[in-house]
Amino acid sequence: MATNYQRGRAFEYRVRNEMTRMGAVYIMRAAQSKGAADLIVLWPRRERIWTSLEKSYVVEHPRRAPWLVQCKLGKGGMPPAERELLIDIADQTGSLPILARQFVPRGPMEFINLQTEEVV
């Protein structure tokens, strides 16, 4: 039987893998919930698009802010103090405070910007 820690860690890895698929360049995980954010996610500034073997072009993206991600499984949500801390740190660093949540095991993931309450 998996412990809550093992389930949470496995979810953090699934979130990391999904963000890699979304194009993240670098993801750092804070082990054992030692930080305000479980994951810090950095995004590319430019993306190389391949059109053929000989030709490619680079697309410049507007600066995409890093994400500070807190991962939560189930319907519990984030305690208000944790939420406020993450929002405060994100504000100080120019990052986005993101809640990654999943209500049922292996179900769909949601990424919510905690400043705007919008799904991203």
C-alpha atoms as a PDB file:
ATOM      1  CA  MET A   1       0.000   0.000   0.000  1.00  0.00           C
ATOM      2  CA  ALA A   2       1.422   3.370  -1.021  1.00  0.00           C
ATOM      3  CA  THR A   3       1.791   6.093   1.590  1.00  0.00           C
ATOM      4  CA  ASN A   4       0.459   9.633   1.117  1.00  0.00           C
ATOM      5  CA  TYR A   5       4.054  10.770   0.557  1.00  0.00           C
ATOM      6  CA  GLN A   6       4.555   8.176  -2.201  1.00  0.00           C
ATOM      7  CA  ARG A   7       1.273   9.126  -3.900  1.00  0.00           C
ATOM      8  CA  GLY A   8       2.171  12.824  -3.701  1.00  0.00           C
ATOM      9  CA  ARG A   9       5.665  12.238  -5.079  1.00  0.00           C
ATOM     10  CA  ALA A  10       4.282  10.159  -7.949  1.00  0.00           C
ATOM     11  CA  PHE A  11       1.832  12.973  -8.758  1.00  0.00           C
ATOM     12  CA  GLU A  12       4.671  15.529  -8.744  1.00  0.00           C
ATOM     13  CA  TYR A  13       6.518  13.359 -11.277  1.00  0.00           C
ATOM     14  CA  ARG A  14       3.397  13.137 -13.473  1.00  0.00           C
ATOM     15  CA  VAL A  15       3.035  16.931 -13.326  1.00  0.00           C
ATOM     16  CA  ARG A  16       6.737  17.291 -14.223  1.00  0.00           C
ATOM     17  CA  ASN A  17       6.294  14.961 -17.198  1.00  0.00           C
ATOM     18  CA  GLU A  18       3.217  16.868 -18.403  1.00  0.00           C
ATOM     19  CA  MET A  19       5.047  20.195 -18.184  1.00  0.00           C
ATOM     20  CA  THR A  20       7.952  18.727 -20.130  1.00  0.00           C
ATOM     21  CA  ARG A  21       5.448  17.726 -22.824  1.00  0.00           C
ATOM     22  CA  MET A  22       4.112  21.322 -22.691  1.00  0.00           C
ATOM     23  CA  GLY A  23       7.600  22.567 -23.583  1.00  0.00           C
ATOM     24  CA  ALA A  24       9.245  23.407 -20.253  1.00  0.00           C
ATOM     25  CA  VAL A  25      13.011  23.778 -20.528  1.00  0.00           C
ATOM     26  CA  TYR A  26      13.940  23.166 -16.891  1.00  0.00           C
ATOM     27  CA  ILE A  27      12.008  21.810 -13.911  1.00  0.00           C
ATOM     28  CA  MET A  28      13.341  21.605 -10.370  1.00  0.00           C
ATOM     29  CA  ARG A  29      11.566  19.565  -7.702  1.00  0.00           C
ATOM     30  CA  ALA A  30      11.734  20.424  -3.997  1.00  0.00           C
ATOM     31  CA  ALA A  31      11.913  17.019  -2.332  1.00  0.00           C
ATOM     32  CA  GLN A  32       9.872  16.170   0.776  1.00  0.00           C
ATOM     33  CA  SER A  33       7.769  19.353   0.590  1.00  0.00           C
ATOM     34  CA  LYS A  34      10.638  21.455   1.926  1.00  0.00           C
ATOM     35  CA  GLY A  35       9.670  24.597   0.035  1.00  0.00           C
ATOM     36  CA  ALA A  36       6.681  26.816  -0.736  1.00  0.00           C
ATOM     37  CA  ALA A  37       6.572  25.290  -4.242  1.00  0.00           C
ATOM     38  CA  ASP A  38       6.865  21.620  -5.167  1.00  0.00           C
ATOM     39  CA  LEU A  39       8.179  22.467  -8.643  1.00  0.00           C
ATOM     40  CA  ILE A  40       9.877  25.450 -10.264  1.00  0.00           C
ATOM     41  CA  VAL A  41       9.286  25.491 -14.008  1.00  0.00           C
ATOM     42  CA  LEU A  42      11.224  27.537 -16.579  1.00  0.00           C
ATOM     43  CA  TRP A  43       9.916  28.030 -20.108  1.00  0.00           C
ATOM     44  CA  PRO A  44      11.781  28.669 -23.384  1.00  0.00           C
ATOM     45  CA  ARG A  45      12.100  32.137 -24.820  1.00  0.00           C
ATOM     46  CA  ARG A  46      12.399  30.850 -28.336  1.00  0.00           C
ATOM     47  CA  GLU A  47      11.325  27.695 -30.064  1.00  0.00           C
ATOM     48  CA  ARG A  48      12.862  26.102 -33.150  1.00  0.00           C
ATOM     49  CA  ILE A  49      10.272  24.884 -35.619  1.00  0.00           C
ATOM     50  CA  TRP A  50      11.432  22.325 -38.176  1.00  0.00           C
ATOM     51  CA  THR A  51       9.809  22.470 -41.586  1.00  0.00           C
ATOM     52  CA  SER A  52      12.091  20.028 -43.383  1.00  0.00           C
ATOM     53  CA  LEU A  53      15.516  18.476 -42.977  1.00  0.00           C
ATOM     54  CA  GLU A  54      17.201  21.524 -44.522  1.00  0.00           C
ATOM     55  CA  LYS A  55      15.096  24.396 -43.208  1.00  0.00           C
ATOM     56  CA  SER A  56      13.967  25.541 -39.808  1.00  0.00           C
ATOM     57  CA  TYR A  57      12.929  28.802 -38.247  1.00  0.00           C
ATOM     58  CA  VAL A  58      12.863  30.206 -34.737  1.00  0.00           C
ATOM     59  CA  VAL A  59       9.736  31.613 -33.133  1.00  0.00           C
ATOM     60  CA  GLU A  60      10.246  34.226 -30.400  1.00  0.00           C
ATOM     61  CA  HIS A  61       7.727  34.009 -27.576  1.00  0.00           C
ATOM     62  CA  PRO A  62       6.892  36.919 -25.359  1.00  0.00           C
ATOM     63  CA  ARG A  63       8.689  36.416 -22.056  1.00  0.00           C
ATOM     64  CA  ARG A  64       6.880  33.591 -20.312  1.00  0.00           C
ATOM     65  CA  ALA A  65       7.147  33.906 -16.551  1.00  0.00           C
ATOM     66  CA  PRO A  66       8.480  30.956 -14.544  1.00  0.00           C
ATOM     67  CA  TRP A  67       5.902  28.900 -12.673  1.00  0.00           C
ATOM     68  CA  LEU A  68       5.999  28.110  -8.961  1.00  0.00           C
ATOM     69  CA  VAL A  69       3.855  24.982  -8.749  1.00  0.00           C
ATOM     70  CA  GLN A  70       2.164  23.428  -5.732  1.00  0.00           C
ATOM     71  CA  CYS A  71       0.835  19.918  -6.459  1.00  0.00           C
ATOM     72  CA  LYS A  72      -2.311  18.668  -4.687  1.00  0.00           C
ATOM     73  CA  LEU A  73      -4.153  15.387  -5.047  1.00  0.00           C
ATOM     74  CA  GLY A  74      -7.819  14.962  -4.159  1.00  0.00           C
ATOM     75  CA  LYS A  75     -10.445  17.485  -3.199  1.00  0.00           C
ATOM     76  CA  GLY A  76      -8.622  18.968  -0.181  1.00  0.00           C
ATOM     77  CA  GLY A  77      -7.076  21.992  -1.867  1.00  0.00           C
ATOM     78  CA  MET A  78      -4.443  24.317  -0.441  1.00  0.00           C
ATOM     79  CA  PRO A  79      -4.510  25.703   3.093  1.00  0.00           C
ATOM     80  CA  PRO A  80      -4.922  29.514   2.979  1.00  0.00           C
ATOM     81  CA  ALA A  81      -1.508  30.172   4.577  1.00  0.00           C
ATOM     82  CA  GLU A  82       0.274  28.008   1.946  1.00  0.00           C
ATOM     83  CA  ARG A  83      -1.679  29.703  -0.816  1.00  0.00           C
ATOM     84  CA  GLU A  84      -0.823  33.217   0.388  1.00  0.00           C
ATOM     85  CA  LEU A  85       2.868  32.317   0.801  1.00  0.00           C
ATOM     86  CA  LEU A  86       3.074  30.949  -2.744  1.00  0.00           C
ATOM     87  CA  ILE A  87       1.300  34.008  -4.177  1.00  0.00           C
ATOM     88  CA  ASP A  88       3.585  36.346  -2.202  1.00  0.00           C
ATOM     89  CA  ILE A  89       6.796  34.615  -3.346  1.00  0.00           C
ATOM     90  CA  ALA A  90       5.556  34.541  -6.957  1.00  0.00           C
ATOM     91  CA  ASP A  91       4.775  38.259  -6.776  1.00  0.00           C
ATOM     92  CA  GLN A  92       8.239  39.050  -5.408  1.00  0.00           C
ATOM     93  CA  THR A  93       9.993  36.999  -8.102  1.00  0.00           C
ATOM     94  CA  GLY A  94       7.872  37.783 -11.176  1.00  0.00           C
ATOM     95  CA  SER A  95       6.640  34.188 -11.321  1.00  0.00           C
ATOM     96  CA  LEU A  96       3.174  32.694 -11.621  1.00  0.00           C
ATOM     97  CA  PRO A  97       1.750  30.798  -8.622  1.00  0.00           C
ATOM     98  CA  ILE A  98       0.230  27.646 -10.078  1.00  0.00           C
ATOM     99  CA  LEU A  99      -1.852  24.975  -8.377  1.00  0.00           C
ATOM    100  CA  ALA A 100      -1.594  21.602 -10.137  1.00  0.00           C
ATOM    101  CA  ARG A 101      -4.444  19.421  -8.982  1.00  0.00           C
ATOM    102  CA  GLN A 102      -5.979  16.093  -9.769  1.00  0.00           C
ATOM    103  CA  PHE A 103      -9.207  14.954  -8.143  1.00  0.00           C
ATOM    104  CA  VAL A 104      -9.016  11.248  -8.937  1.00  0.00           C
ATOM    105  CA  PRO A 105      -5.921   9.077  -9.362  1.00  0.00           C
ATOM    106  CA  ARG A 106      -4.771   9.034 -12.990  1.00  0.00           C
ATOM    107  CA  GLY A 107      -7.574  11.475 -13.854  1.00  0.00           C
ATOM    108  CA  PRO A 108      -7.158  14.754 -15.740  1.00  0.00           C
ATOM    109  CA  MET A 109      -4.820  17.401 -14.320  1.00  0.00           C
ATOM    110  CA  GLU A 110      -5.719  21.058 -13.920  1.00  0.00           C
ATOM    111  CA  PHE A 111      -3.257  23.941 -13.737  1.00  0.00           C
ATOM    112  CA  ILE A 112      -4.732  27.011 -12.031  1.00  0.00           C
ATOM    113  CA  ASN A 113      -3.147  30.448 -11.753  1.00  0.00           C
ATOM    114  CA  LEU A 114      -3.765  31.318  -8.097  1.00  0.00           C
ATOM    115  CA  GLN A 115      -3.635  35.069  -8.774  1.00  0.00           C
ATOM    116  CA  THR A 116      -6.443  35.031 -11.352  1.00  0.00           C
ATOM    117  CA  GLU A 117      -8.136  31.683 -10.525  1.00  0.00           C
ATOM    118  CA  GLU A 118      -8.003  30.884 -14.254  1.00  0.00           C
ATOM    119  CA  VAL A 119      -7.102  27.501 -15.700  1.00  0.00           C
ATOM    120  CA  VAL A 120      -3.871  27.786 -17.704  1.00  0.00           C
END
